[in-house]
Each structure stands twice: as C-alpha cells, then as structure tokens.
C-alpha cells in the first residue's frame, strides 16, 4: 500500500476513534446556567492523542504548526477528561486531515 494511502487510512481511523469516544461520553454535571458538561474516557483520550501525535510527527514533522498546536493543546489538558478539551484536539486533527487531503502540504516527511 502506498504511503499516501496509509496516511489517509490512519487519518480516517483516528477520526472514527474520536467520534466513537464522543459517542460514549458521560454526563458529569449541569451548571446553574443549565449548561451540561461531559467527560470522555481519560485512558482512551491519552491513547488516541498519542497516536495522533505519532502520525503528525511522522507526516508533518515536529516543527509543523499541526504538530506543535496539537502538542501544546494536549499538554495543557493532558490530565483532562472534559469533552471540550478533547474537541479542541479533535479540531486540530481535522485541520491536519483537511490540509493533507487537499494537497496543501508542500514539505511532507
């Protein structure tokens, strides 16, 4: 299988894992303002984030904005189990996927 196909396949797999994790989120509490807060499974979040970091490092490089932004966001929230923290990381993965799939990378490792 070509490298491009493997990268695309892995991006899809990680996106699917993210969706599965969100589908299994657990209600935590409702604020006085009526806002509901949810948690994702912390070990699953850590495993997923490790896989994302590995892929971003190998495909984009550690100096890429995608890798750095994901790493910074995850490090800030690495002990977090909140859905909002997970969604920030998921958004960075989605941006990386869009850039990769759209051919907007000019220096792929």
Protein backbone atom coordinates (compact mmCIF):
# COMPACT_ATOMS: atom_id res chain seq x y z
CA UNK A 1 0.00 0.00 0.00
CA UNK A 2 1.33 3.45 -0.90
CA UNK A 3 2.37 5.76 1.92
CA UNK A 4 -0.28 8.32 0.94
CA UNK A 5 -2.97 5.66 1.22
CA UNK A 6 -1.68 4.55 4.63
CA UNK A 7 -1.67 8.13 5.92
CA UNK A 8 -5.20 8.72 4.62
CA UNK A 9 -6.36 5.45 6.16
CA UNK A 10 -4.82 6.34 9.53
CA UNK A 11 -6.33 9.83 9.49
CA UNK A 12 -9.73 8.25 8.85
CA UNK A 13 -9.20 5.70 11.65
CA UNK A 14 -8.24 8.38 14.16
CA UNK A 15 -11.22 10.48 13.17
CA UNK A 16 -13.51 7.45 13.61
CA UNK A 17 -11.99 6.70 17.02
CA UNK A 18 -12.66 10.29 18.06
CA UNK A 19 -16.29 10.00 17.01
CA UNK A 20 -16.64 6.72 18.94
CA UNK A 21 -15.17 8.32 22.04
CA UNK A 22 -17.60 11.22 21.79
CA UNK A 23 -20.48 8.80 21.33
CA UNK A 24 -19.52 7.24 24.67
CA UNK A 25 -19.04 10.46 26.63
CA UNK A 26 -20.50 10.53 30.11
CA UNK A 27 -22.60 13.26 31.65
CA UNK A 28 -20.72 14.99 34.50
CA UNK A 29 -22.97 17.80 35.71
CA UNK A 30 -25.20 20.70 34.75
CA UNK A 31 -24.17 24.23 35.72
CA UNK A 32 -26.51 26.68 37.41
CA UNK A 33 -26.91 28.29 33.97
CA UNK A 34 -28.15 24.99 32.54
CA UNK A 35 -25.00 24.10 30.60
CA UNK A 36 -24.29 20.37 30.52
CA UNK A 37 -20.70 19.16 30.93
CA UNK A 38 -19.47 15.80 29.72
CA UNK A 39 -16.35 13.69 30.18
CA UNK A 40 -14.58 11.34 27.80
CA UNK A 41 -12.67 8.28 28.95
CA UNK A 42 -9.23 9.54 30.05
CA UNK A 43 -7.18 6.44 29.10
CA UNK A 44 -8.83 6.40 25.67
CA UNK A 45 -8.12 10.13 25.24
CA UNK A 46 -4.45 9.57 26.09
CA UNK A 47 -4.10 6.60 23.75
CA UNK A 48 -5.82 8.48 20.92
CA UNK A 49 -3.70 11.60 21.48
CA UNK A 50 -0.51 9.53 21.46
CA UNK A 51 -1.48 8.02 18.11
CA UNK A 52 -2.34 11.44 16.69
CA UNK A 53 0.97 12.92 17.86
CA UNK A 54 2.84 10.00 16.32
CA UNK A 55 1.13 10.47 12.97
CA UNK A 56 1.54 14.25 12.96
CA UNK A 57 5.22 13.94 13.85
CA UNK A 58 5.89 11.39 11.11
CA UNK A 59 3.87 13.09 8.37
CA UNK A 60 4.12 16.79 9.17
CA UNK A 61 7.24 16.95 11.35
CA UNK A 62 7.71 18.32 14.86
CA UNK A 63 8.18 21.85 13.55
CA UNK A 64 4.82 21.89 11.77
CA UNK A 65 2.02 24.05 13.09
CA UNK A 66 -0.25 20.99 13.22
CA UNK A 67 2.12 19.03 15.46
CA UNK A 68 3.02 21.99 17.68
CA UNK A 69 -0.57 23.14 18.13
CA UNK A 70 -1.80 19.64 18.96
CA UNK A 71 1.11 19.04 21.34
CA UNK A 72 0.57 22.35 23.14
CA UNK A 73 -3.17 21.83 23.43
CA UNK A 74 -2.82 18.26 24.63
CA UNK A 75 -0.03 19.09 27.12
CA UNK A 76 -2.17 21.86 28.59
CA UNK A 77 -5.11 19.48 29.01
CA UNK A 78 -3.40 16.07 29.22
CA UNK A 79 -4.94 15.29 32.58
CA UNK A 80 -8.31 16.49 31.43
CA UNK A 81 -11.22 14.28 30.72
CA UNK A 82 -13.54 17.07 29.62
CA UNK A 83 -15.27 16.84 26.27
CA UNK A 84 -14.28 20.44 25.48
CA UNK A 85 -10.55 19.64 25.78
CA UNK A 86 -10.97 16.57 23.61
CA UNK A 87 -12.87 18.59 21.00
CA UNK A 88 -10.02 21.10 20.76
CA UNK A 89 -7.58 18.31 19.99
CA UNK A 90 -10.03 16.72 17.56
CA UNK A 91 -10.35 20.02 15.68
CA UNK A 92 -6.58 20.17 15.17
CA UNK A 93 -6.58 16.63 13.77
CA UNK A 94 -9.40 17.60 11.41
CA UNK A 95 -7.44 20.64 10.19
CA UNK A 96 -4.40 18.45 9.56
CA UNK A 97 -6.53 15.94 7.65
CA UNK A 98 -8.09 18.67 5.51
CA UNK A 99 -4.68 20.12 4.69
CA UNK A 100 -3.24 16.71 3.87
CA UNK A 101 -6.19 15.52 1.80
CA UNK A 102 -6.42 18.84 -0.01
CA UNK A 103 -2.78 18.68 -1.05
CA UNK A 104 -1.90 21.83 0.85
CA UNK A 105 1.36 20.44 2.23
CA UNK A 106 4.48 21.35 0.39
CA UNK A 107 7.08 19.60 2.56
CA UNK A 108 5.87 16.14 3.60
CA UNK A 109 8.22 13.86 5.53
